[in-house]
Amino acid sequence: MVQDSFIELKGRERALALLDKHSFRELLGPFDKLESPHLAPQGIVPESDDGMVIARGKFDGQDVVVLSIEGLFQGGGIGEVCGSKIAGSLDQALTDNKRGKRIIPIIVFDTGGVRLQEANYGLLIISEIQSAVVALREHVPVIGLIPGNVGCFGGMSITAALCSELIMTKTARFGMNGPEVIEQEAGIVEFNSHDRRLIWDTIGGAARLESGLIDQLVEDDIEAFKDALRIAINKKPSVFRTRQIDRFLSAVNQLDPLKRTTTKEVSAFLNSGVKANIKIENASTPSRGRTWFTALTEGAESVSDFPGVLIADRIFNGILTRFIAVVPNEKNRYPRATKGEVGVQEGWELAKYIRQAIEEDQNNAVKRHLIPIIDVPSQAYGYNEELLGIHYACAASVDAYATARLHGHAVTGIIVGNAISGAFLAHGMQSSRLIALDDKSINVQAMSKQSAARITKRTIVELEEATGKVPAMAYDIHNYYTLGALDKLIEGVNADQPTSEDIEKVAYYLAKAINAGDYTLGQRLKTKPAMNGGRASSILTRAKLAEQWS
């Protein structure tokens, strides 16, 4: 039988192929000429649709919106305009569903994650996409397709992990960290980016199905994808993977991190139901995160049974408040997560303790506040991390933080150290309000300079030159502030050895941010820096999308 390839189609053609005949209606298409303003200054030719196709239409007579990422443009990377098209569409679909008008989102992932030429915009907006996915799943299935070509990586792999149903081909790849990035960060012995069999045995479609990290594996055929969509739409709701915390922590604890595990073993761990008893050692390795956890909790002892994630409740600002920090532990079982990285265990443990607060407070009129203390150098880069699905661990934390906000918990983050990549998405970026210490050693970014240079095929000098033209590419906290994500930069604080006055000052601004209200991520578009140009394209894109939606 002759097959009609879905992989070989471009983004717009994929949307057309999925929708019922004559029902395709594109929003913010090429003739609207809503281009990224951040590419031309770097000598990159922009696209008139910014590599993102949004199509309203019907699938088997059901109202759907297809969000199709064009992998041929900038590797499907998410920047300010294309990301705002996705986030804005999902928010519009959420509004419709809340009003009783059922509309199902279908996301076609063909993306390397954050568009590194717009790095911090990508991180910001991916967190907004993820928030919308979590909210939408309570009304309708959010269905993800991963056909092939680029695959699905980075922050968008976390987004895909949040979907209700994932459909993939054998030739597609699905993982948090691309093989080249793992090799750059952890070395060729950890992951050889030229070993094609290793890649597909670890993050390929068949491997992901065997380990239970996707729902359906389909042939590269348009009709096969449509049949899979029908199954996904009509399937009875089940517990999302990102909420199966005990199951995944059981697998994490059974795995020996010092050996090269196989997909078959991961599948066995996930399905065994065994609760492994393991010895977890604690080196109490110093860090800013640990320093500020101790300071803000007034020396309270962590109630967490995992030393890499600190948890303590105390009355703060008149309300019971849970302080949460990810900290380094030189004796961590997983050697790729000894320096405070968010690894497979850290992500699931964060989710466990956030959900504990949600469940304990579900019948309380006043919900406890959550304060993530942010000092995370990155997510963990490693073979076993990819095999176990580190993107699911990060997504579990994202899901928990976003759900907490939806249930009335204030989530207010304080950046005291580095805030990098998927670790920041997992721990901090779901804060409705963020404040930060004004400290020149703090870096906020989507990727290390070395890896960013390798992926974008630039030198580090060229990358640093580009930051003068595009503030979102810079690593420092001052440039980050101009993007509108922060409520406050706190000056005059000793970040490493805070005095009692320093602690009081930070506590004052934390309380002020909490008292400002609005627990949605939408308020980040209303800060002074955002309104003064920091999120100009985000605001414009959402406004134009709203005009065309109905």
Protein backbone atom coordinates (compact mmCIF):
# COMPACT_ATOMS: atom_id res chain seq x y z
CA MET A 1 0.00 0.00 0.00
CA VAL A 2 1.36 3.43 -0.97
CA GLN A 3 1.79 5.69 2.03
CA ASP A 4 1.47 9.46 2.14
CA SER A 5 4.35 10.61 4.33
CA PHE A 6 3.47 12.93 7.21
CA ILE A 7 7.11 13.50 8.13
CA GLU A 8 7.99 14.93 4.73
CA LEU A 9 5.27 17.57 4.91
CA LYS A 10 6.05 21.11 6.07
CA GLY A 11 4.33 22.61 9.08
CA ARG A 12 1.41 24.16 7.17
CA GLU A 13 0.92 21.04 5.07
CA ARG A 14 0.72 18.91 8.22
CA ALA A 15 -2.07 21.08 9.62
CA LEU A 16 -3.93 20.90 6.29
CA ALA A 17 -3.51 17.11 6.14
CA LEU A 18 -5.02 16.61 9.60
CA LEU A 19 -8.05 18.87 9.28
CA ASP A 20 -11.33 18.03 7.58
CA LYS A 21 -11.53 19.19 3.98
CA HIS A 22 -12.30 22.92 3.56
CA SER A 23 -12.21 23.55 7.34
CA PHE A 24 -8.64 24.94 7.54
CA ARG A 25 -8.45 28.58 8.70
CA GLU A 26 -5.02 29.96 9.53
CA LEU A 27 -4.51 32.58 12.22
CA LEU A 28 -1.63 35.06 12.05
CA GLY A 29 -0.44 33.59 8.77
CA PRO A 30 2.38 34.86 6.54
CA PHE A 31 0.34 37.77 5.14
CA ASP A 32 -0.01 39.20 8.65
CA LYS A 33 3.80 39.58 8.59
CA LEU A 34 4.23 39.21 12.32
CA GLU A 35 7.96 38.49 12.33
CA SER A 36 10.47 38.14 15.11
CA PRO A 37 12.23 41.49 15.65
CA HIS A 38 15.22 39.73 17.23
CA LEU A 39 16.65 37.85 14.23
CA ALA A 40 17.49 40.53 11.65
CA PRO A 41 19.89 42.34 14.06
CA GLN A 42 21.84 39.07 14.18
CA GLY A 43 21.96 38.74 10.39
CA ILE A 44 19.24 36.06 10.30
CA VAL A 45 16.43 36.34 7.76
CA PRO A 46 13.07 36.15 9.59
CA GLU A 47 10.00 34.23 8.42
CA SER A 48 6.65 35.98 7.98
CA ASP A 49 4.91 33.39 10.18
CA ASP A 50 7.96 32.94 12.46
CA GLY A 51 7.94 29.22 11.81
CA MET A 52 4.62 28.61 13.57
CA VAL A 53 1.32 27.61 11.96
CA ILE A 54 -1.91 28.06 13.93
CA ALA A 55 -4.96 26.55 12.21
CA ARG A 56 -8.56 26.46 13.39
CA GLY A 57 -10.71 23.78 11.84
CA LYS A 58 -12.45 20.47 12.37
CA PHE A 59 -11.28 16.92 12.79
CA ASP A 60 -14.07 14.39 12.17
CA GLY A 61 -16.47 17.28 12.69
CA GLN A 62 -14.97 18.17 16.10
CA ASP A 63 -13.60 21.69 16.66
CA VAL A 64 -9.82 21.60 17.00
CA VAL A 65 -6.88 23.95 16.82
CA VAL A 66 -3.68 22.61 15.27
CA LEU A 67 -0.42 24.19 16.41
CA SER A 68 2.21 23.03 13.94
CA ILE A 69 5.86 23.94 14.46
CA GLU A 70 7.95 24.33 11.30
CA GLY A 71 11.12 22.38 12.01
CA LEU A 72 12.83 23.72 8.88
CA PHE A 73 12.97 27.25 10.34
CA GLN A 74 15.59 27.71 13.04
CA GLY A 75 15.25 24.06 14.00
CA GLY A 76 11.72 24.66 15.21
CA GLY A 77 13.13 26.75 18.05
CA ILE A 78 10.68 28.72 20.19
CA GLY A 79 11.15 32.49 20.20
CA GLU A 80 8.98 35.38 21.33
CA VAL A 81 6.54 35.59 18.41
CA CYS A 82 6.07 31.91 17.54
CA GLY A 83 5.91 31.00 21.24
CA SER A 84 3.30 33.68 21.88
CA LYS A 85 1.26 32.28 19.00
CA ILE A 86 1.20 28.90 20.76
CA ALA A 87 0.59 30.25 24.27
CA GLY A 88 -2.05 32.71 23.06
CA SER A 89 -3.89 30.00 21.10
CA LEU A 90 -3.93 27.65 24.07
CA ASP A 91 -5.24 30.43 26.31
CA GLN A 92 -8.00 31.20 23.79
CA ALA A 93 -8.89 27.50 23.62
CA LEU A 94 -8.98 27.38 27.43
CA THR A 95 -11.41 30.33 27.52
CA ASP A 96 -13.66 28.62 24.96
CA ASN A 97 -13.65 25.35 26.88
CA LYS A 98 -14.48 27.11 30.14
CA ARG A 99 -17.48 28.65 28.37
CA GLY A 100 -18.68 25.24 27.21
CA LYS A 101 -17.37 25.44 23.65
CA ARG A 102 -15.29 22.29 23.29
CA ILE A 103 -12.12 22.73 21.25
CA ILE A 104 -9.26 20.23 21.28
CA PRO A 105 -5.62 21.37 20.86
CA ILE A 106 -3.32 19.26 18.68
CA ILE A 107 0.36 20.21 18.89
CA VAL A 108 2.76 19.02 16.19
CA PHE A 109 6.22 19.03 17.78
CA ASP A 110 9.20 19.44 15.46
CA THR A 111 11.48 21.44 17.69
CA GLY A 112 14.86 21.63 19.34
CA GLY A 113 13.34 23.63 22.20
CA VAL A 114 14.28 27.22 22.93
CA ARG A 115 15.40 29.30 19.94
CA LEU A 116 18.87 30.17 21.22
CA GLN A 117 18.95 33.42 19.24
CA GLU A 118 16.11 34.60 21.54
CA ALA A 119 17.09 32.45 24.49
CA ASN A 120 15.39 33.93 27.55
CA TYR A 121 12.26 34.86 25.61
CA GLY A 122 12.01 31.19 24.69
CA LEU A 123 12.25 30.06 28.31
CA LEU A 124 9.67 32.60 29.46
CA ILE A 125 7.14 31.73 26.82
CA ILE A 126 7.62 27.96 27.03
CA SER A 127 6.67 28.24 30.72
CA GLU A 128 3.50 30.09 29.65
CA ILE A 129 2.73 27.36 27.09
CA GLN A 130 3.18 24.72 29.79
CA SER A 131 0.88 26.56 32.19
CA ALA A 132 -1.85 26.63 29.54
CA VAL A 133 -1.44 22.92 28.76
CA VAL A 134 -1.86 21.99 32.44
CA ALA A 135 -5.03 24.10 32.69
CA LEU A 136 -6.48 22.78 29.41
CA ARG A 137 -6.00 19.10 30.30
CA GLU A 138 -8.72 19.46 32.92
CA HIS A 139 -11.25 20.16 30.13
CA VAL A 140 -10.13 18.32 26.98
CA PRO A 141 -7.29 16.07 25.88
CA VAL A 142 -4.20 17.97 24.74
CA ILE A 143 -2.69 15.77 22.03
CA GLY A 144 0.94 15.87 20.92
CA LEU A 145 2.36 14.51 17.67
CA ILE A 146 6.11 13.95 17.19
CA PRO A 147 6.52 13.01 13.50
CA GLY A 148 10.27 13.21 12.98
CA ASN A 149 12.92 15.38 11.29
CA VAL A 150 14.01 17.52 14.26
CA GLY A 151 12.13 15.56 16.93
CA CYS A 152 11.22 17.12 20.27
CA PHE A 153 13.87 18.40 22.67
CA GLY A 154 14.67 20.95 25.35
CA GLY A 155 11.94 22.90 27.08
CA MET A 156 9.43 21.70 24.51
CA SER A 157 10.11 18.07 25.49
CA ILE A 158 8.83 19.07 28.94
CA THR A 159 5.78 20.59 27.24
CA ALA A 160 5.19 17.38 25.27
CA ALA A 161 5.50 15.34 28.46
CA LEU A 162 2.57 17.36 29.84
CA CYS A 163 0.27 16.33 26.96
CA SER A 164 -2.64 13.97 27.63
CA GLU A 165 -1.59 11.72 24.74
CA LEU A 166 1.63 11.45 22.72
CA ILE A 167 1.85 9.93 19.24
CA MET A 168 5.24 9.30 17.61
CA THR A 169 6.96 7.55 14.70
CA LYS A 170 9.95 5.20 14.91
CA THR A 171 12.20 7.74 13.23
CA ALA A 172 11.34 10.56 15.63
CA ARG A 173 13.42 11.40 18.71
CA PHE A 174 12.07 12.60 22.04
CA GLY A 175 14.35 13.68 24.86
CA MET A 176 15.26 16.54 27.13
CA ASN A 177 18.86 17.01 26.06
CA GLY A 178 20.01 16.48 22.49
CA PRO A 179 22.89 14.03 21.98
CA GLU A 180 25.29 16.84 21.01
CA VAL A 181 24.45 18.80 24.16
CA ILE A 182 24.97 15.77 26.43
CA GLU A 183 28.30 15.10 24.73
CA GLN A 184 29.31 18.76 25.15
CA GLU A 185 28.32 18.89 28.83
CA ALA A 186 29.19 15.38 30.02
CA GLY A 187 31.68 14.00 27.50
CA ILE A 188 31.68 11.46 24.67
CA VAL A 189 31.97 8.52 27.09
CA GLU A 190 28.62 9.53 28.58
CA PHE A 191 26.92 9.91 25.20
CA ASN A 192 28.42 9.62 21.73
CA SER A 193 26.40 11.95 19.50
CA HIS A 194 27.63 10.11 16.37
CA ASP A 195 26.36 6.70 17.51
CA ARG A 196 23.02 6.52 15.66
CA ARG A 197 21.98 3.18 17.16
CA LEU A 198 22.64 4.51 20.67
CA ILE A 199 20.49 7.57 19.93
CA TRP A 200 17.47 5.64 18.65
CA ASP A 201 17.78 2.93 21.31
CA THR A 202 17.66 5.67 23.94
CA ILE A 203 15.32 8.41 22.67
CA GLY A 204 13.78 6.99 19.47
CA GLY A 205 10.08 6.29 19.06
CA ALA A 206 10.26 2.51 19.57
CA ALA A 207 12.35 2.93 22.72
CA ARG A 208 9.94 5.53 24.11
CA LEU A 209 6.96 3.24 23.49
CA GLU A 210 8.69 0.26 25.12
CA SER A 211 9.45 2.29 28.26
CA GLY A 212 5.91 3.67 28.35
CA LEU A 213 6.82 7.31 27.80
CA ILE A 214 4.52 7.71 24.78
CA ASP A 215 1.08 6.29 24.01
CA GLN A 216 1.08 5.33 20.34
CA LEU A 217 3.73 4.48 17.75
CA VAL A 218 2.55 4.98 14.18
CA GLU A 219 3.87 4.53 10.68
CA ASP A 220 4.85 7.60 8.69
CA ASP A 221 1.49 7.91 7.00
CA ILE A 222 -1.13 10.67 7.10
CA GLU A 223 -4.02 8.26 7.62
CA ALA A 224 -2.12 6.44 10.36
CA PHE A 225 -1.73 9.73 12.23
CA LYS A 226 -5.43 10.51 11.78
CA ASP A 227 -6.41 7.07 13.08
CA ALA A 228 -4.17 7.60 16.10
CA LEU A 229 -5.79 10.99 16.70
CA ARG A 230 -9.23 9.36 16.73
CA ILE A 231 -8.06 6.92 19.38
CA ALA A 232 -6.59 9.75 21.46
CA ILE A 233 -9.70 11.92 21.26
CA ASN A 234 -12.06 9.08 22.22
CA LYS A 235 -9.89 7.53 24.92
CA LYS A 236 -11.14 7.57 28.51
CA PRO A 237 -9.13 9.98 30.69
CA SER A 238 -6.39 8.38 32.79
CA VAL A 239 -3.87 9.60 35.35
CA PHE A 240 -1.31 11.78 33.58
CA ARG A 241 2.23 10.44 33.68
CA THR A 242 3.40 13.64 35.35
CA ARG A 243 1.18 12.72 38.32
CA GLN A 244 2.35 9.11 38.65
CA ILE A 245 4.96 10.18 41.18
CA ASP A 246 5.32 6.97 43.22
CA ARG A 247 5.65 4.88 40.06
CA PHE A 248 8.46 6.96 38.59
CA LEU A 249 10.29 7.44 41.90
CA SER A 250 10.22 3.67 42.32
CA ALA A 251 12.00 3.31 38.96
CA VAL A 252 14.47 6.07 39.83
CA ASN A 253 15.36 4.27 43.07
CA GLN A 254 15.67 0.82 41.48
CA LEU A 255 18.06 1.95 38.76
CA ASP A 256 21.78 1.75 39.42
CA PRO A 257 23.07 5.14 38.17
CA LEU A 258 26.62 3.82 37.81
CA LYS A 259 25.61 1.25 35.18
CA ARG A 260 24.30 1.71 31.64
CA THR A 261 20.67 0.71 31.91
CA THR A 262 18.57 -0.46 28.94
CA THR A 263 15.11 0.57 27.79
CA LYS A 264 13.83 -2.92 28.67
CA GLU A 265 15.08 -2.50 32.26
CA VAL A 266 13.46 0.94 32.59
CA SER A 267 10.17 -0.56 31.39
CA ALA A 268 10.50 -3.34 33.99
CA PHE A 269 11.23 -0.83 36.76
CA LEU A 270 8.23 1.31 35.82
CA ASN A 271 5.89 -1.67 35.79
CA SER A 272 7.26 -3.59 38.78
CA GLY A 273 5.46 -1.70 41.54
CA VAL A 274 8.50 -2.34 43.74
CA LYS A 275 9.31 0.29 46.35
CA ALA A 276 13.07 0.13 46.55
CA ASN A 277 14.78 0.77 49.86
CA ILE A 278 17.95 2.68 49.08
CA LYS A 279 20.42 4.51 51.24
CA ILE A 280 20.58 8.20 50.35
CA GLU A 281 23.65 9.93 51.74
CA ASN A 282 23.84 13.65 52.43
CA ALA A 283 26.99 15.72 52.14
CA SER A 284 25.15 19.01 52.94
CA THR A 285 27.18 20.61 50.17
CA PRO A 286 27.19 24.43 50.55
CA SER A 287 25.34 26.61 48.03
CA ARG A 288 23.45 29.87 47.81
CA GLY A 289 20.21 27.94 47.63
CA ARG A 290 21.00 26.24 50.93
CA THR A 291 22.15 29.52 52.52
CA TRP A 292 18.93 31.33 51.62
CA PHE A 293 16.73 28.36 52.53
CA THR A 294 18.23 28.44 56.01
CA ALA A 295 17.90 32.23 56.19
CA LEU A 296 14.29 32.47 55.04
CA THR A 297 13.07 29.49 57.08
CA GLU A 298 14.87 30.78 60.20
CA GLY A 299 16.93 27.62 60.37
CA ALA A 300 14.03 25.18 60.13
CA GLU A 301 14.95 21.57 59.47
CA SER A 302 13.93 20.20 56.09
CA VAL A 303 11.06 17.70 56.20
CA SER A 304 12.13 16.15 52.89
CA ASP A 305 13.40 12.56 52.91
CA PHE A 306 15.64 13.40 49.95
CA PRO A 307 18.62 15.69 50.70
CA GLY A 308 18.73 17.23 47.21
CA VAL A 309 15.37 18.95 47.74
CA LEU A 310 14.83 21.00 50.90
CA ILE A 311 11.29 21.58 52.21
CA ALA A 312 10.16 23.57 55.24
CA ASP A 313 6.91 25.22 56.38
CA ARG A 314 6.77 28.32 58.54
CA ILE A 315 4.44 31.26 59.10
CA PHE A 316 5.57 33.99 56.74
CA ASN A 317 3.68 37.19 55.96
CA GLY A 318 0.94 35.92 58.29
CA ILE A 319 0.33 32.75 56.22
CA LEU A 320 1.70 29.22 56.40
CA THR A 321 4.35 29.13 53.68
CA ARG A 322 6.31 26.28 52.14
CA PHE A 323 9.90 27.11 51.17
CA ILE A 324 11.43 24.85 48.51
CA ALA A 325 15.05 24.62 47.35
CA VAL A 326 17.10 22.32 45.11
CA VAL A 327 20.60 22.02 46.56
CA PRO A 328 23.86 20.25 45.66
CA ASN A 329 24.80 16.97 47.30
CA GLU A 330 28.24 15.60 46.51
CA LYS A 331 27.02 12.14 47.60
CA ASN A 332 24.03 12.10 45.25
CA ARG A 333 23.45 8.59 43.82
CA TYR A 334 23.19 10.15 40.36
CA PRO A 335 26.66 11.55 39.53
CA ARG A 336 25.24 14.01 36.96
CA ALA A 337 23.22 15.76 39.67
CA THR A 338 25.75 16.45 42.42
CA LYS A 339 26.05 20.22 41.93
CA GLY A 340 22.43 21.27 42.39
CA GLU A 341 21.18 20.25 38.97
CA VAL A 342 17.55 19.17 38.61
CA GLY A 343 17.85 15.49 37.81
CA VAL A 344 15.37 12.63 37.59
CA GLN A 345 15.02 12.31 41.36
CA GLU A 346 14.95 16.07 42.04
CA GLY A 347 12.08 16.67 39.61
CA TRP A 348 9.86 13.93 41.01
CA GLU A 349 10.66 14.90 44.62
CA LEU A 350 9.72 18.52 43.90
CA ALA A 351 6.42 17.30 42.48
CA LYS A 352 5.81 15.08 45.52
CA TYR A 353 6.17 17.85 48.08
CA ILE A 354 4.29 20.48 46.08
CA ARG A 355 1.39 18.06 45.62
CA GLN A 356 1.52 17.22 49.30
CA ALA A 357 0.81 20.90 50.05
CA ILE A 358 -2.03 20.99 47.50
CA GLU A 359 -3.67 17.89 48.98
CA GLU A 360 -3.28 18.97 52.61
CA ASP A 361 -4.76 22.40 51.84
CA GLN A 362 -7.55 21.34 49.49
CA ASN A 363 -10.30 22.02 52.05
CA ASN A 364 -8.69 25.13 53.54
CA ALA A 365 -10.05 28.56 52.69
CA VAL A 366 -6.51 29.95 52.83
CA LYS A 367 -3.88 28.02 50.88
CA ARG A 368 -0.27 28.04 51.96
CA HIS A 369 2.13 30.08 49.87
CA LEU A 370 4.90 28.35 47.94
CA ILE A 371 8.30 30.00 47.62
CA PRO A 372 10.80 28.32 45.30
CA ILE A 373 14.32 29.46 46.19
CA ILE A 374 16.11 29.35 42.84
CA ASP A 375 19.76 28.39 42.51
CA VAL A 376 19.93 25.75 39.77
CA PRO A 377 22.92 25.45 37.39
CA SER A 378 20.98 23.34 34.83
CA GLN A 379 19.18 20.05 34.43
CA ALA A 380 21.31 16.91 34.69
CA TYR A 381 23.00 15.74 31.48
CA GLY A 382 23.42 11.99 31.24
CA TYR A 383 22.57 8.76 29.46
CA ASN A 384 20.52 7.27 32.30
CA GLU A 385 18.73 10.58 32.80
CA GLU A 386 17.54 10.53 29.19
CA LEU A 387 16.58 6.87 29.34
CA LEU A 388 14.52 7.41 32.51
CA GLY A 389 12.86 10.46 31.03
CA ILE A 390 14.31 13.50 32.80
CA HIS A 391 11.86 15.60 30.75
CA TYR A 392 9.04 13.82 32.58
CA ALA A 393 10.66 14.52 35.96
CA CYS A 394 10.89 18.22 35.07
CA ALA A 395 7.34 18.16 33.68
CA ALA A 396 6.06 16.63 36.93
CA SER A 397 7.42 19.62 38.84
CA VAL A 398 6.02 22.07 36.26
CA ASP A 399 2.64 20.34 36.52
CA ALA A 400 2.68 20.53 40.33
CA TYR A 401 3.60 24.22 40.50
CA ALA A 402 1.05 25.17 37.83
CA THR A 403 -1.65 23.09 39.54
CA ALA A 404 -0.86 24.78 42.84
CA ARG A 405 -1.53 28.17 41.27
CA LEU A 406 -4.78 26.90 39.75
CA HIS A 407 -5.84 25.75 43.23
CA GLY A 408 -5.22 29.16 44.77
CA HIS A 409 -1.67 28.88 46.07
CA ALA A 410 0.57 31.89 45.57
CA VAL A 411 3.83 30.77 43.94
CA THR A 412 6.49 33.45 44.33
CA GLY A 413 10.06 32.69 43.27
CA ILE A 414 13.27 34.28 44.51
CA ILE A 415 16.38 33.98 42.31
CA VAL A 416 19.46 33.90 44.55
CA GLY A 417 21.83 32.03 42.21
CA ASN A 418 21.89 30.72 38.68
CA ALA A 419 18.65 29.91 36.86
CA ILE A 420 19.49 27.85 33.81
CA SER A 421 17.52 25.94 31.18
CA GLY A 422 15.12 23.09 32.01
CA ALA A 423 16.03 23.31 35.68
CA PHE A 424 14.61 26.83 35.80
CA LEU A 425 11.49 25.69 33.95
CA ALA A 426 11.04 22.92 36.52
CA HIS A 427 11.84 25.04 39.57
CA GLY A 428 10.92 28.69 39.36
CA MET A 429 9.38 29.57 36.01
CA GLN A 430 5.87 28.63 37.09
CA SER A 431 6.02 31.41 39.69
CA SER A 432 3.36 34.02 39.03
CA ARG A 433 5.83 36.53 40.42
CA LEU A 434 9.63 36.44 40.44
CA ILE A 435 12.08 38.62 42.32
CA ALA A 436 15.87 38.39 42.17
CA LEU A 437 18.99 39.56 43.93
CA ASP A 438 20.87 42.22 42.00
CA ASP A 439 24.11 40.27 41.80
CA LYS A 440 26.53 40.22 38.89
CA SER A 441 27.37 36.53 39.35
CA ILE A 442 23.76 35.39 38.71
CA ASN A 443 23.21 33.88 35.26
CA VAL A 444 19.78 33.31 33.71
CA GLN A 445 19.80 31.48 30.39
CA ALA A 446 18.57 28.61 28.24
CA MET A 447 21.93 26.85 27.84
CA SER A 448 25.60 27.12 28.76
CA LYS A 449 27.67 29.31 26.44
CA GLN A 450 29.73 26.34 25.27
CA SER A 451 26.68 24.30 24.25
CA ALA A 452 24.88 27.32 22.76
CA ALA A 453 27.94 28.05 20.61
CA ARG A 454 28.07 24.46 19.39
CA ILE A 455 24.37 24.27 18.53
CA THR A 456 24.23 27.69 16.80
CA LYS A 457 27.62 27.14 15.11
CA ARG A 458 29.02 30.37 16.52
CA THR A 459 32.00 31.20 18.64
CA ILE A 460 31.49 32.31 22.24
CA VAL A 461 32.80 35.75 21.22
CA GLU A 462 30.12 35.96 18.51
CA LEU A 463 27.45 34.94 21.02
CA GLU A 464 28.55 37.64 23.44
CA GLU A 465 28.53 40.24 20.66
CA ALA A 466 24.92 39.31 19.85
CA THR A 467 23.82 40.06 23.43
CA GLY A 468 24.41 43.75 22.75
CA LYS A 469 21.71 43.59 20.06
CA VAL A 470 19.31 41.14 21.73
CA PRO A 471 19.07 41.40 25.54
CA ALA A 472 17.30 38.02 25.71
CA MET A 473 20.58 36.35 24.73
CA ALA A 474 22.48 37.87 27.64
CA TYR A 475 23.21 35.88 30.79
CA ASP A 476 23.16 38.67 33.40
CA ILE A 477 20.24 39.50 35.66
CA HIS A 478 20.01 43.15 34.50
CA ASN A 479 19.28 42.21 30.90
CA TYR A 480 16.84 39.59 32.16
CA TYR A 481 15.01 42.26 34.14
CA THR A 482 14.38 44.27 30.95
CA LEU A 483 12.28 41.37 29.57
CA GLY A 484 9.57 42.00 32.16
CA ALA A 485 9.69 38.70 34.04
CA LEU A 486 10.85 40.15 37.36
CA ASP A 487 8.80 42.17 39.82
CA LYS A 488 11.89 43.46 41.58
CA LEU A 489 15.69 43.46 41.49
CA ILE A 490 16.84 43.72 45.11
CA GLU A 491 19.96 45.82 45.45
CA GLY A 492 22.53 45.97 48.22
CA VAL A 493 22.26 42.37 49.46
CA ASN A 494 25.18 40.09 50.20
CA ALA A 495 24.10 37.01 48.27
CA ASP A 496 26.66 34.64 49.82
CA GLN A 497 26.70 35.78 53.43
CA PRO A 498 23.45 37.66 54.08
CA THR A 499 23.16 39.79 57.18
CA SER A 500 19.97 39.99 59.25
CA GLU A 501 19.21 43.27 57.42
CA ASP A 502 19.69 41.54 54.06
CA ILE A 503 17.28 38.77 55.06
CA GLU A 504 14.70 41.30 56.26
CA LYS A 505 14.97 43.20 52.98
CA VAL A 506 14.42 40.07 50.88
CA ALA A 507 11.53 38.97 53.12
CA TYR A 508 9.93 42.41 52.69
CA TYR A 509 9.99 42.21 48.88
CA LEU A 510 8.81 38.59 48.91
CA ALA A 511 5.82 39.60 51.03
CA LYS A 512 5.16 42.57 48.74
CA ALA A 513 5.15 40.31 45.67
CA ILE A 514 2.80 37.82 47.34
CA ASN A 515 0.42 40.58 48.45
CA ALA A 516 0.26 41.98 44.90
CA GLY A 517 -2.10 39.10 44.02
CA ASP A 518 -2.83 37.70 40.54
CA TYR A 519 -1.55 34.14 40.60
CA THR A 520 -1.55 33.77 36.79
CA LEU A 521 1.49 34.02 34.54
CA GLY A 522 -0.35 36.67 32.53
CA GLN A 523 0.66 39.36 34.98
CA ARG A 524 4.23 39.06 33.63
CA LEU A 525 2.98 40.92 30.56
CA LYS A 526 1.91 43.83 32.78
CA THR A 527 5.14 44.68 34.60
CA LYS A 528 6.73 48.04 33.79
CA PRO A 529 9.65 46.55 31.81
CA ALA A 530 7.20 44.36 29.85
CA MET A 531 4.94 47.29 29.03
CA ASN A 532 7.95 49.47 28.16
CA GLY A 533 9.01 47.18 25.33
CA GLY A 534 10.36 44.07 27.05
CA ARG A 535 7.39 41.98 25.92
CA ALA A 536 6.18 44.18 23.05
CA SER A 537 5.99 41.34 20.51
CA SER A 538 4.33 39.00 23.02
CA ILE A 539 1.62 41.56 23.77
CA LEU A 540 1.08 42.42 20.09
CA THR A 541 0.93 38.75 19.02
CA ARG A 542 -1.63 37.85 21.66
CA ALA A 543 -3.78 40.88 20.83
CA LYS A 544 -3.84 40.13 17.09
CA LEU A 545 -4.52 36.47 17.75
CA ALA A 546 -7.50 37.33 19.95
CA GLU A 547 -8.90 39.50 17.14
CA GLN A 548 -8.71 36.64 14.65
CA TRP A 549 -9.69 33.77 16.96
CA SER A 550 -13.45 33.81 16.48
